[in-house]
Amino acid sequence: MYIIVGLGNPGSEYAKTRHNAGFEVIKILADRFDIATDFIKHKAVCGKGVIEGNKVMLAMPQTFMNLSGESVRELTGYYKPDISSELIVVYDDVDLEPGRIRIRKSGSAGGHNGMKSIISCLGTNEFIRVRVGVGAKPKGYDLADHVLGTFTKDQADIMAGAFIDAANAVVSIMNDGIDAAMNTYNRSKKEDDESV
C-alpha cells in the first residue's frame, strides 16, 4: 500500500495558503479517483482507496505543519509500508518558482518545518517527495508570512495547473516508477518552453 501524504495546516483560515499545497494535491487525487477522505485516524484526515490498481491511503495531517511527522510516524507504523518506495510526501517549496514540480527519492528538509518533523520522527530522509513550487518570498518579507499568505490571481491560475501536475506525478511514480516520473516532471521551465 502506498501512503500519500499532503502537507498543510488544518483550519479554514489556512485553506488557500502557499503552505497548503500538499492538501490541494490530495484533494485532486481524492476527487479524481473517487476516494472519500472521510475519517480521522493517525492524526490525519484520511481516505483509503485504489488509484489505477494501486492500493493507497491518502492523508492530510491535522497536527499543524511543524508536527507533521507525528502523523506520518503513526501512519507508517500502522500500515508498515516500505518507507523508501511506498511513502510519498507532497509539499510546498519556496525554492521553486510557482508551478514547478520536483520529484526526489530522498534529501534534506531544505528548511521546510513539515519535512524537518517527518525526517526527525521517521529517523530517515530516504522517502519519495513531490515538491510543488510556490515561489520565493519577496525581499524584506518574513518567510512565515509568505508561506501563510495566499496566491495572487495570476499565481493562483498557475498553481491550479501545478496541483494537477503534482497529482499526475504521484500517479506516475506508482505506475511508471520513480526514475521515469523524475524524467517527466523534473524539467526546467526553459526545457518546457523549448519543447513547445
N, C-alpha and C. Protein backbone atom coordinates (compact mmCIF):
# COMPACT_ATOMS: atom_id res chain seq x y z
N MET A 1 0.83 -1.20 0.00
CA MET A 1 0.00 0.00 0.00
C MET A 1 0.87 1.26 0.00
N TYR A 2 0.52 2.19 -0.87
CA TYR A 2 1.19 3.49 -0.86
C TYR A 2 0.52 4.41 0.13
N ILE A 3 1.32 5.13 0.89
CA ILE A 3 0.80 6.18 1.76
C ILE A 3 1.20 7.51 1.13
N ILE A 4 0.20 8.27 0.73
CA ILE A 4 0.43 9.55 0.06
C ILE A 4 0.00 10.66 1.03
N VAL A 5 0.97 11.42 1.49
CA VAL A 5 0.73 12.44 2.50
C VAL A 5 0.90 13.81 1.87
N GLY A 6 -0.13 14.63 1.98
CA GLY A 6 -0.04 16.03 1.55
C GLY A 6 0.07 16.90 2.79
N LEU A 7 1.06 17.79 2.80
CA LEU A 7 1.28 18.63 3.98
C LEU A 7 0.51 19.93 3.89
N GLY A 8 0.10 20.42 5.06
CA GLY A 8 -0.62 21.69 5.15
C GLY A 8 -0.97 21.95 6.60
N ASN A 9 -1.74 22.99 6.81
CA ASN A 9 -2.25 23.32 8.14
C ASN A 9 -3.76 23.18 8.16
N PRO A 10 -4.31 22.61 9.23
CA PRO A 10 -5.77 22.47 9.31
C PRO A 10 -6.43 23.81 9.60
N GLY A 11 -7.69 23.92 9.24
CA GLY A 11 -8.45 25.14 9.54
C GLY A 11 -8.70 25.96 8.29
N SER A 12 -9.90 26.55 8.22
CA SER A 12 -10.30 27.29 7.02
C SER A 12 -9.43 28.50 6.76
N GLU A 13 -8.83 29.07 7.81
CA GLU A 13 -8.01 30.27 7.61
C GLU A 13 -6.73 29.99 6.83
N TYR A 14 -6.35 28.71 6.75
CA TYR A 14 -5.14 28.33 6.02
C TYR A 14 -5.43 27.70 4.67
N ALA A 15 -6.70 27.58 4.32
CA ALA A 15 -7.12 26.72 3.20
C ALA A 15 -6.43 27.03 1.88
N LYS A 16 -6.25 28.27 1.53
CA LYS A 16 -5.70 28.61 0.22
C LYS A 16 -4.29 29.20 0.30
N THR A 17 -3.59 28.93 1.38
CA THR A 17 -2.25 29.49 1.55
C THR A 17 -1.21 28.64 0.81
N ARG A 18 -0.04 29.24 0.60
CA ARG A 18 1.04 28.53 -0.09
C ARG A 18 1.43 27.25 0.64
N HIS A 19 1.40 27.30 1.96
CA HIS A 19 1.83 26.15 2.77
C HIS A 19 0.89 24.95 2.64
N ASN A 20 -0.29 25.16 2.07
CA ASN A 20 -1.27 24.08 1.97
C ASN A 20 -1.30 23.42 0.59
N ALA A 21 -0.23 23.59 -0.16
CA ALA A 21 -0.16 22.99 -1.50
C ALA A 21 -0.37 21.48 -1.44
N GLY A 22 0.20 20.84 -0.42
CA GLY A 22 0.06 19.38 -0.30
C GLY A 22 -1.39 18.95 -0.15
N PHE A 23 -2.15 19.69 0.65
CA PHE A 23 -3.57 19.38 0.83
C PHE A 23 -4.30 19.46 -0.52
N GLU A 24 -3.98 20.48 -1.31
CA GLU A 24 -4.66 20.67 -2.59
C GLU A 24 -4.44 19.48 -3.51
N VAL A 25 -3.24 18.94 -3.51
CA VAL A 25 -2.93 17.80 -4.37
C VAL A 25 -3.69 16.55 -3.90
N ILE A 26 -3.76 16.35 -2.59
CA ILE A 26 -4.53 15.21 -2.06
C ILE A 26 -5.99 15.33 -2.46
N LYS A 27 -6.54 16.53 -2.39
CA LYS A 27 -7.96 16.73 -2.76
C LYS A 27 -8.20 16.38 -4.22
N ILE A 28 -7.25 16.73 -5.09
CA ILE A 28 -7.39 16.40 -6.51
C ILE A 28 -7.37 14.89 -6.71
N LEU A 29 -6.44 14.21 -6.06
CA LEU A 29 -6.38 12.74 -6.18
C LEU A 29 -7.66 12.11 -5.65
N ALA A 30 -8.16 12.60 -4.53
CA ALA A 30 -9.38 12.05 -3.94
C ALA A 30 -10.57 12.23 -4.88
N ASP A 31 -10.69 13.42 -5.46
CA ASP A 31 -11.80 13.69 -6.38
C ASP A 31 -11.69 12.84 -7.65
N ARG A 32 -10.49 12.80 -8.21
CA ARG A 32 -10.30 12.11 -9.49
C ARG A 32 -10.57 10.62 -9.39
N PHE A 33 -10.16 10.03 -8.27
CA PHE A 33 -10.26 8.58 -8.13
C PHE A 33 -11.36 8.16 -7.16
N ASP A 34 -12.25 9.11 -6.86
CA ASP A 34 -13.44 8.82 -6.06
C ASP A 34 -13.08 8.16 -4.73
N ILE A 35 -12.10 8.76 -4.03
CA ILE A 35 -11.69 8.28 -2.72
C ILE A 35 -12.20 9.26 -1.66
N ALA A 36 -13.07 8.79 -0.81
CA ALA A 36 -13.64 9.66 0.22
C ALA A 36 -12.62 9.86 1.35
N THR A 37 -12.24 11.11 1.56
CA THR A 37 -11.36 11.42 2.70
C THR A 37 -12.28 11.81 3.85
N ASP A 38 -12.82 10.78 4.50
CA ASP A 38 -13.94 11.00 5.41
C ASP A 38 -13.72 10.45 6.82
N PHE A 39 -12.46 10.13 7.16
CA PHE A 39 -12.25 9.70 8.54
C PHE A 39 -10.92 10.24 9.06
N ILE A 40 -10.89 10.45 10.36
CA ILE A 40 -9.67 10.94 11.00
C ILE A 40 -9.04 9.80 11.78
N LYS A 41 -7.80 9.52 11.44
CA LYS A 41 -7.04 8.47 12.10
C LYS A 41 -5.57 8.84 11.99
N HIS A 42 -4.79 8.45 12.97
CA HIS A 42 -3.35 8.73 12.95
C HIS A 42 -3.08 10.23 12.82
N LYS A 43 -3.91 11.04 13.48
CA LYS A 43 -3.77 12.50 13.49
C LYS A 43 -3.85 13.10 12.09
N ALA A 44 -4.65 12.47 11.22
CA ALA A 44 -4.79 12.95 9.84
C ALA A 44 -6.21 12.70 9.33
N VAL A 45 -6.64 13.55 8.41
CA VAL A 45 -7.84 13.25 7.62
C VAL A 45 -7.40 12.26 6.56
N CYS A 46 -8.06 11.11 6.50
CA CYS A 46 -7.60 10.01 5.65
C CYS A 46 -8.68 9.53 4.69
N GLY A 47 -8.22 8.87 3.65
CA GLY A 47 -9.10 8.20 2.72
C GLY A 47 -8.38 7.00 2.14
N LYS A 48 -9.02 5.86 2.15
CA LYS A 48 -8.41 4.64 1.62
C LYS A 48 -9.10 4.27 0.32
N GLY A 49 -8.30 3.90 -0.69
CA GLY A 49 -8.89 3.55 -1.97
C GLY A 49 -7.87 2.95 -2.90
N VAL A 50 -8.20 2.99 -4.21
CA VAL A 50 -7.35 2.41 -5.24
C VAL A 50 -7.14 3.45 -6.34
N ILE A 51 -5.88 3.62 -6.74
CA ILE A 51 -5.55 4.51 -7.85
C ILE A 51 -4.88 3.67 -8.93
N GLU A 52 -5.61 3.46 -10.01
CA GLU A 52 -5.11 2.70 -11.16
C GLU A 52 -4.45 1.39 -10.73
N GLY A 53 -5.14 0.65 -9.88
CA GLY A 53 -4.67 -0.67 -9.45
C GLY A 53 -3.78 -0.66 -8.22
N ASN A 54 -3.40 0.52 -7.75
CA ASN A 54 -2.54 0.64 -6.57
C ASN A 54 -3.37 0.97 -5.33
N LYS A 55 -3.26 0.15 -4.29
CA LYS A 55 -3.93 0.47 -3.03
C LYS A 55 -3.22 1.67 -2.40
N VAL A 56 -4.02 2.64 -1.97
CA VAL A 56 -3.44 3.86 -1.40
C VAL A 56 -4.16 4.29 -0.14
N MET A 57 -3.43 4.99 0.70
CA MET A 57 -4.00 5.74 1.81
C MET A 57 -3.63 7.21 1.56
N LEU A 58 -4.64 8.04 1.37
CA LEU A 58 -4.42 9.48 1.25
C LEU A 58 -4.52 10.10 2.64
N ALA A 59 -3.61 11.00 2.97
CA ALA A 59 -3.60 11.56 4.32
C ALA A 59 -3.23 13.04 4.31
N MET A 60 -3.97 13.81 5.10
CA MET A 60 -3.68 15.22 5.32
C MET A 60 -3.52 15.43 6.84
N PRO A 61 -2.28 15.47 7.33
CA PRO A 61 -2.06 15.61 8.78
C PRO A 61 -2.78 16.84 9.36
N GLN A 62 -3.34 16.65 10.54
CA GLN A 62 -4.08 17.73 11.22
C GLN A 62 -3.32 18.26 12.44
N THR A 63 -2.03 18.08 12.45
CA THR A 63 -1.20 18.43 13.61
C THR A 63 -0.63 19.83 13.54
N PHE A 64 -0.86 20.56 12.46
CA PHE A 64 -0.14 21.76 12.07
C PHE A 64 1.22 21.35 11.53
N MET A 65 1.71 22.18 10.64
CA MET A 65 2.85 21.81 9.80
C MET A 65 4.06 21.30 10.57
N ASN A 66 4.46 22.02 11.63
CA ASN A 66 5.73 21.69 12.27
C ASN A 66 5.68 20.40 13.10
N LEU A 67 4.50 19.76 13.18
CA LEU A 67 4.38 18.46 13.87
C LEU A 67 3.91 17.36 12.92
N SER A 68 4.03 17.60 11.62
CA SER A 68 3.53 16.64 10.62
C SER A 68 4.11 15.25 10.80
N GLY A 69 5.33 15.17 11.29
CA GLY A 69 5.98 13.87 11.47
C GLY A 69 5.25 12.95 12.43
N GLU A 70 4.54 13.53 13.41
CA GLU A 70 3.80 12.69 14.36
C GLU A 70 2.76 11.86 13.63
N SER A 71 2.06 12.49 12.69
CA SER A 71 1.04 11.78 11.92
C SER A 71 1.68 10.75 10.99
N VAL A 72 2.75 11.15 10.30
CA VAL A 72 3.40 10.24 9.35
C VAL A 72 3.99 9.04 10.09
N ARG A 73 4.54 9.26 11.27
CA ARG A 73 5.08 8.15 12.06
C ARG A 73 3.97 7.16 12.43
N GLU A 74 2.80 7.67 12.82
CA GLU A 74 1.68 6.78 13.15
C GLU A 74 1.19 6.02 11.91
N LEU A 75 1.07 6.72 10.79
CA LEU A 75 0.61 6.09 9.56
C LEU A 75 1.55 4.97 9.12
N THR A 76 2.84 5.26 9.11
CA THR A 76 3.80 4.25 8.65
C THR A 76 3.95 3.13 9.67
N GLY A 77 3.81 3.45 10.94
CA GLY A 77 3.89 2.42 11.97
C GLY A 77 2.73 1.45 11.90
N TYR A 78 1.57 1.94 11.51
CA TYR A 78 0.37 1.10 11.45
C TYR A 78 0.31 0.29 10.15
N TYR A 79 0.58 0.94 9.02
CA TYR A 79 0.41 0.27 7.72
C TYR A 79 1.67 -0.41 7.22
N LYS A 80 2.81 -0.10 7.82
CA LYS A 80 4.08 -0.77 7.52
C LYS A 80 4.46 -0.75 6.03
N PRO A 81 4.44 0.41 5.39
CA PRO A 81 4.90 0.46 4.00
C PRO A 81 6.42 0.35 3.96
N ASP A 82 6.95 0.09 2.78
CA ASP A 82 8.39 0.26 2.56
C ASP A 82 8.59 1.77 2.45
N ILE A 83 9.16 2.36 3.48
CA ILE A 83 9.22 3.82 3.56
C ILE A 83 9.97 4.42 2.38
N SER A 84 10.99 3.75 1.90
CA SER A 84 11.80 4.32 0.82
C SER A 84 11.08 4.33 -0.53
N SER A 85 10.07 3.47 -0.70
CA SER A 85 9.42 3.37 -2.01
C SER A 85 7.90 3.52 -1.98
N GLU A 86 7.27 3.42 -0.80
CA GLU A 86 5.81 3.45 -0.74
C GLU A 86 5.26 4.61 0.08
N LEU A 87 6.13 5.48 0.57
CA LEU A 87 5.68 6.72 1.22
C LEU A 87 5.99 7.87 0.27
N ILE A 88 4.97 8.64 -0.08
CA ILE A 88 5.13 9.80 -0.97
C ILE A 88 4.60 11.02 -0.23
N VAL A 89 5.45 12.02 -0.04
CA VAL A 89 5.07 13.24 0.67
C VAL A 89 5.04 14.40 -0.32
N VAL A 90 3.92 15.11 -0.35
CA VAL A 90 3.73 16.24 -1.27
C VAL A 90 3.69 17.52 -0.44
N TYR A 91 4.50 18.51 -0.84
CA TYR A 91 4.56 19.74 -0.04
C TYR A 91 5.03 20.93 -0.86
N ASP A 92 4.83 22.11 -0.30
CA ASP A 92 5.21 23.37 -0.95
C ASP A 92 6.72 23.60 -0.84
N ASP A 93 7.27 24.30 -1.84
CA ASP A 93 8.70 24.60 -1.82
C ASP A 93 8.93 26.03 -2.31
N VAL A 94 9.50 26.86 -1.44
CA VAL A 94 9.76 28.25 -1.80
C VAL A 94 11.00 28.39 -2.69
N ASP A 95 11.78 27.33 -2.83
CA ASP A 95 12.97 27.39 -3.68
C ASP A 95 12.67 27.10 -5.15
N LEU A 96 11.42 26.77 -5.44
CA LEU A 96 11.00 26.55 -6.83
C LEU A 96 10.01 27.63 -7.22
N GLU A 97 10.11 28.08 -8.46
CA GLU A 97 9.18 29.11 -8.91
C GLU A 97 7.76 28.55 -8.95
N PRO A 98 6.76 29.42 -8.84
CA PRO A 98 5.38 28.93 -8.82
C PRO A 98 5.07 28.04 -10.03
N GLY A 99 4.51 26.88 -9.73
CA GLY A 99 4.09 25.97 -10.78
C GLY A 99 5.08 24.87 -11.12
N ARG A 100 6.32 24.98 -10.66
CA ARG A 100 7.30 23.95 -10.97
C ARG A 100 7.11 22.74 -10.05
N ILE A 101 7.43 21.56 -10.55
CA ILE A 101 7.33 20.32 -9.77
C ILE A 101 8.71 19.68 -9.72
N ARG A 102 9.08 19.17 -8.56
CA ARG A 102 10.33 18.41 -8.44
C ARG A 102 10.07 17.14 -7.65
N ILE A 103 10.49 16.02 -8.19
CA ILE A 103 10.39 14.74 -7.51
C ILE A 103 11.79 14.36 -7.04
N ARG A 104 11.88 13.90 -5.81
CA ARG A 104 13.16 13.45 -5.27
C ARG A 104 12.97 12.12 -4.52
N LYS A 105 14.00 11.27 -4.56
CA LYS A 105 13.95 9.99 -3.84
C LYS A 105 14.29 10.17 -2.36
N SER A 106 15.03 11.23 -2.04
CA SER A 106 15.47 11.46 -0.67
C SER A 106 16.01 12.88 -0.60
N GLY A 107 16.53 13.26 0.56
CA GLY A 107 17.15 14.57 0.67
C GLY A 107 16.87 15.23 2.00
N SER A 108 17.40 16.42 2.14
CA SER A 108 17.24 17.18 3.38
C SER A 108 15.86 17.83 3.42
N ALA A 109 15.58 18.45 4.55
CA ALA A 109 14.30 19.16 4.71
C ALA A 109 14.31 20.48 3.95
N GLY A 110 15.49 20.99 3.65
CA GLY A 110 15.57 22.26 2.91
C GLY A 110 14.91 23.42 3.63
N GLY A 111 14.90 23.39 4.95
CA GLY A 111 14.31 24.48 5.72
C GLY A 111 12.80 24.39 5.90
N HIS A 112 12.18 23.34 5.38
CA HIS A 112 10.73 23.17 5.49
C HIS A 112 10.40 22.49 6.81
N ASN A 113 9.62 23.15 7.66
CA ASN A 113 9.37 22.63 9.01
C ASN A 113 8.60 21.31 9.01
N GLY A 114 7.69 21.13 8.07
CA GLY A 114 6.97 19.87 7.99
C GLY A 114 7.90 18.72 7.66
N MET A 115 8.81 18.96 6.73
CA MET A 115 9.77 17.92 6.36
C MET A 115 10.77 17.67 7.48
N LYS A 116 11.18 18.71 8.17
CA LYS A 116 12.07 18.52 9.33
C LYS A 116 11.43 17.57 10.33
N SER A 117 10.15 17.78 10.59
CA SER A 117 9.42 16.96 11.56
C SER A 117 9.33 15.51 11.09
N ILE A 118 9.04 15.31 9.82
CA ILE A 118 8.90 13.95 9.29
C ILE A 118 10.24 13.21 9.36
N ILE A 119 11.30 13.87 8.91
CA ILE A 119 12.63 13.23 8.93
C ILE A 119 13.03 12.89 10.36
N SER A 120 12.73 13.80 11.29
CA SER A 120 13.06 13.56 12.69
C SER A 120 12.27 12.38 13.26
N CYS A 121 10.97 12.35 12.97
CA CYS A 121 10.12 11.29 13.53
C CYS A 121 10.37 9.92 12.90
N LEU A 122 10.72 9.90 11.62
CA LEU A 122 10.97 8.62 10.95
C LEU A 122 12.40 8.15 11.14
N GLY A 123 13.30 9.09 11.42
CA GLY A 123 14.70 8.73 11.56
C GLY A 123 15.38 8.43 10.24
N THR A 124 14.78 8.91 9.14
CA THR A 124 15.37 8.72 7.81
C THR A 124 14.89 9.83 6.89
N ASN A 125 15.71 10.15 5.91
CA ASN A 125 15.26 11.07 4.86
C ASN A 125 15.12 10.34 3.53
N GLU A 126 15.11 9.00 3.60
CA GLU A 126 15.00 8.17 2.40
C GLU A 126 13.54 7.85 2.12
N PHE A 127 12.83 8.82 1.58
CA PHE A 127 11.46 8.61 1.14
C PHE A 127 11.17 9.58 0.01
N ILE A 128 10.19 9.22 -0.81
CA ILE A 128 9.88 9.99 -2.01
C ILE A 128 9.14 11.27 -1.63
N ARG A 129 9.55 12.36 -2.26
CA ARG A 129 8.83 13.61 -2.05
C ARG A 129 8.53 14.28 -3.39
N VAL A 130 7.36 14.90 -3.47
CA VAL A 130 6.96 15.70 -4.63
C VAL A 130 6.85 17.13 -4.15
N ARG A 131 7.77 17.97 -4.61
CA ARG A 131 7.82 19.36 -4.19
C ARG A 131 7.07 20.22 -5.20
N VAL A 132 6.20 21.08 -4.70
CA VAL A 132 5.39 21.96 -5.54
C VAL A 132 5.88 23.40 -5.34
N GLY A 133 6.42 23.99 -6.38
CA GLY A 133 6.96 25.34 -6.26
C GLY A 133 5.90 26.39 -5.97
N VAL A 134 6.16 27.22 -4.96
CA VAL A 134 5.23 28.31 -4.63
C VAL A 134 5.93 29.67 -4.72
N GLY A 135 7.21 29.67 -5.08
CA GLY A 135 7.93 30.93 -5.27
C GLY A 135 8.60 31.43 -4.00
N ALA A 136 9.72 32.11 -4.21
CA ALA A 136 10.48 32.66 -3.09
C ALA A 136 9.77 33.86 -2.48
N LYS A 137 10.07 34.10 -1.22
CA LYS A 137 9.47 35.26 -0.56
C LYS A 137 10.07 36.54 -1.15
N PRO A 138 9.24 37.58 -1.31
CA PRO A 138 9.78 38.86 -1.79
C PRO A 138 10.79 39.43 -0.80
N LYS A 139 11.70 40.22 -1.30
CA LYS A 139 12.73 40.82 -0.45
C LYS A 139 12.07 41.62 0.67
N GLY A 140 12.56 41.38 1.90
CA GLY A 140 12.03 42.10 3.05
C GLY A 140 10.85 41.42 3.72
N TYR A 141 10.29 40.40 3.07
CA TYR A 141 9.16 39.68 3.65
C TYR A 141 9.64 38.66 4.67
N ASP A 142 8.80 38.40 5.65
CA ASP A 142 9.05 37.31 6.60
C ASP A 142 8.62 36.00 5.93
N LEU A 143 9.43 34.95 6.07
CA LEU A 143 9.13 33.68 5.41
C LEU A 143 7.80 33.10 5.87
N ALA A 144 7.53 33.18 7.18
CA ALA A 144 6.26 32.64 7.70
C ALA A 144 5.08 33.38 7.09
N ASP A 145 5.18 34.70 6.98
CA ASP A 145 4.10 35.47 6.38
C ASP A 145 3.91 35.07 4.92
N HIS A 146 5.02 34.79 4.24
CA HIS A 146 4.94 34.42 2.83
C HIS A 146 4.23 33.08 2.64
N VAL A 147 4.67 32.05 3.37
CA VAL A 147 4.08 30.72 3.15
C VAL A 147 2.66 30.64 3.70
N LEU A 148 2.32 31.51 4.65
CA LEU A 148 0.95 31.51 5.17
C LEU A 148 0.07 32.53 4.45
N GLY A 149 0.62 33.14 3.41
CA GLY A 149 -0.15 34.06 2.57
C GLY A 149 -0.79 33.31 1.41
N THR A 150 -1.69 34.00 0.72
CA THR A 150 -2.39 33.40 -0.41
C THR A 150 -1.75 33.83 -1.72
N PHE A 151 -2.07 33.11 -2.77
CA PHE A 151 -1.52 33.40 -4.09
C PHE A 151 -2.21 34.61 -4.71
N THR A 152 -1.46 35.34 -5.55
CA THR A 152 -2.08 36.39 -6.36
C THR A 152 -2.98 35.71 -7.39
N LYS A 153 -3.80 36.48 -8.07
CA LYS A 153 -4.70 35.91 -9.08
C LYS A 153 -3.90 35.19 -10.16
N ASP A 154 -2.84 35.82 -10.66
CA ASP A 154 -2.02 35.19 -11.70
C ASP A 154 -1.37 33.91 -11.18
N GLN A 155 -0.85 33.96 -9.96
CA GLN A 155 -0.22 32.78 -9.37
C GLN A 155 -1.24 31.67 -9.15
N ALA A 156 -2.45 32.04 -8.72
CA ALA A 156 -3.49 31.04 -8.45
C ALA A 156 -3.81 30.24 -9.71
N ASP A 157 -3.84 30.93 -10.86
CA ASP A 157 -4.10 30.24 -12.13
C ASP A 157 -2.97 29.26 -12.44
N ILE A 158 -1.73 29.70 -12.23
CA ILE A 158 -0.58 28.83 -12.45
C ILE A 158 -0.62 27.63 -11.51
N MET A 159 -0.93 27.90 -10.24
CA MET A 159 -0.91 26.85 -9.23
C MET A 159 -2.00 25.82 -9.45
N ALA A 160 -3.13 26.22 -10.00
CA ALA A 160 -4.19 25.26 -10.29
C ALA A 160 -3.65 24.17 -11.21
N GLY A 161 -2.87 24.58 -12.21
CA GLY A 161 -2.24 23.61 -13.11
C GLY A 161 -1.15 22.81 -12.41
N ALA A 162 -0.42 23.47 -11.51
CA ALA A 162 0.66 22.79 -10.79
C ALA A 162 0.13 21.69 -9.89
N PHE A 163 -1.00 21.94 -9.24
CA PHE A 163 -1.58 20.93 -8.36
C PHE A 163 -1.99 19.70 -9.18
N ILE A 164 -2.51 19.93 -10.37
CA ILE A 164 -2.87 18.81 -11.25
C ILE A 164 -1.61 18.07 -11.69
N ASP A 165 -0.56 18.83 -12.05
CA ASP A 165 0.72 18.21 -12.43
C ASP A 165 1.27 17.35 -11.29
N ALA A 166 1.20 17.87 -10.07
CA ALA A 166 1.72 17.13 -8.92
C ALA A 166 0.92 15.85 -8.69
N ALA A 167 -0.40 15.93 -8.86
CA ALA A 167 -1.23 14.73 -8.72
C ALA A 167 -0.86 13.72 -9.80
N ASN A 168 -0.65 14.20 -11.01
CA ASN A 168 -0.23 13.32 -12.10
C ASN A 168 1.13 12.69 -11.80
N ALA A 169 2.01 13.48 -11.19
CA ALA A 169 3.34 12.98 -10.83
C ALA A 169 3.25 11.84 -9.82
N VAL A 170 2.35 11.98 -8.85
CA VAL A 170 2.15 10.91 -7.86
C VAL A 170 1.70 9.62 -8.55
N VAL A 171 0.75 9.75 -9.46
CA VAL A 171 0.26 8.57 -10.18
C VAL A 171 1.38 7.96 -11.01
N SER A 172 2.18 8.81 -11.64
CA SER A 172 3.29 8.34 -12.45
C SER A 172 4.32 7.58 -11.62
N ILE A 173 4.60 8.07 -10.43
CA ILE A 173 5.55 7.38 -9.54
C ILE A 173 5.08 5.95 -9.28
N MET A 174 3.80 5.80 -9.01
CA MET A 174 3.26 4.47 -8.70
C MET A 174 3.22 3.58 -9.93
N ASN A 175 2.85 4.14 -11.07
CA ASN A 175 2.65 3.32 -12.27
C ASN A 175 3.91 3.10 -13.10
N ASP A 176 4.74 4.15 -13.19
CA ASP A 176 5.88 4.11 -14.11
C ASP A 176 7.22 3.95 -13.39
N GLY A 177 7.21 4.17 -12.07
CA GLY A 177 8.45 4.12 -11.31
C GLY A 177 9.02 5.52 -11.09
N ILE A 178 9.80 5.65 -10.05
CA ILE A 178 10.33 6.95 -9.64
C ILE A 178 11.23 7.57 -10.71
N ASP A 179 12.08 6.78 -11.35
CA ASP A 179 13.01 7.34 -12.33
C ASP A 179 12.29 7.90 -13.54
N ALA A 180 11.32 7.16 -14.04
CA ALA A 180 10.54 7.65 -15.18
C ALA A 180 9.77 8.91 -14.82
N ALA A 181 9.19 8.93 -13.63
CA ALA A 181 8.45 10.11 -13.18
C ALA A 181 9.37 11.32 -13.06
N MET A 182 10.57 11.11 -12.52
CA MET A 182 11.53 12.21 -12.41
C MET A 182 11.90 12.74 -13.79
N ASN A 183 12.11 11.85 -14.75
CA ASN A 183 12.46 12.27 -16.10
C ASN A 183 11.36 13.12 -16.72
N THR A 184 10.12 12.79 -16.40
CA THR A 184 8.99 13.53 -16.97
C THR A 184 8.77 14.87 -16.30
N TYR A 185 8.84 14.90 -14.97
CA TYR A 185 8.40 16.09 -14.23
C TYR A 185 9.52 17.01 -13.75
N ASN A 186 10.76 16.54 -13.70
CA ASN A 186 11.84 17.38 -13.21
C ASN A 186 12.49 18.19 -14.33
N ARG A 187 11.66 18.79 -15.13
CA ARG A 187 12.16 19.62 -16.23
C ARG A 187 12.19 21.08 -15.80
N SER A 188 13.08 21.81 -16.40
CA SER A 188 13.11 23.24 -16.11
C SER A 188 12.09 23.95 -17.00
N LYS A 189 11.74 25.17 -16.64
CA LYS A 189 10.80 25.93 -17.46
C LYS A 189 11.37 26.15 -18.85
N LYS A 190 12.68 26.36 -18.91
CA LYS A 190 13.35 26.57 -20.20
C LYS A 190 13.15 25.36 -21.11
N GLU A 191 13.30 24.15 -20.54
CA GLU A 191 13.11 22.93 -21.33
C GLU A 191 11.66 22.83 -21.82
N ASP A 192 10.72 23.18 -20.94
CA ASP A 192 9.32 23.15 -21.34
C ASP A 192 9.04 24.12 -22.48
N ASP A 193 9.58 25.34 -22.36
CA ASP A 193 9.37 26.36 -23.39
C ASP A 193 9.96 25.92 -24.73
N GLU A 194 11.13 25.27 -24.68
CA GLU A 194 11.80 24.86 -25.91
C GLU A 194 11.07 23.69 -26.59
N SER A 195 10.28 22.93 -25.80
CA SER A 195 9.59 21.78 -26.39
C SER A 195 8.26 22.15 -27.01
N VAL A 196 7.83 23.39 -26.80
CA VAL A 196 6.52 23.84 -27.35
C VAL A 196 6.66 24.15 -28.83
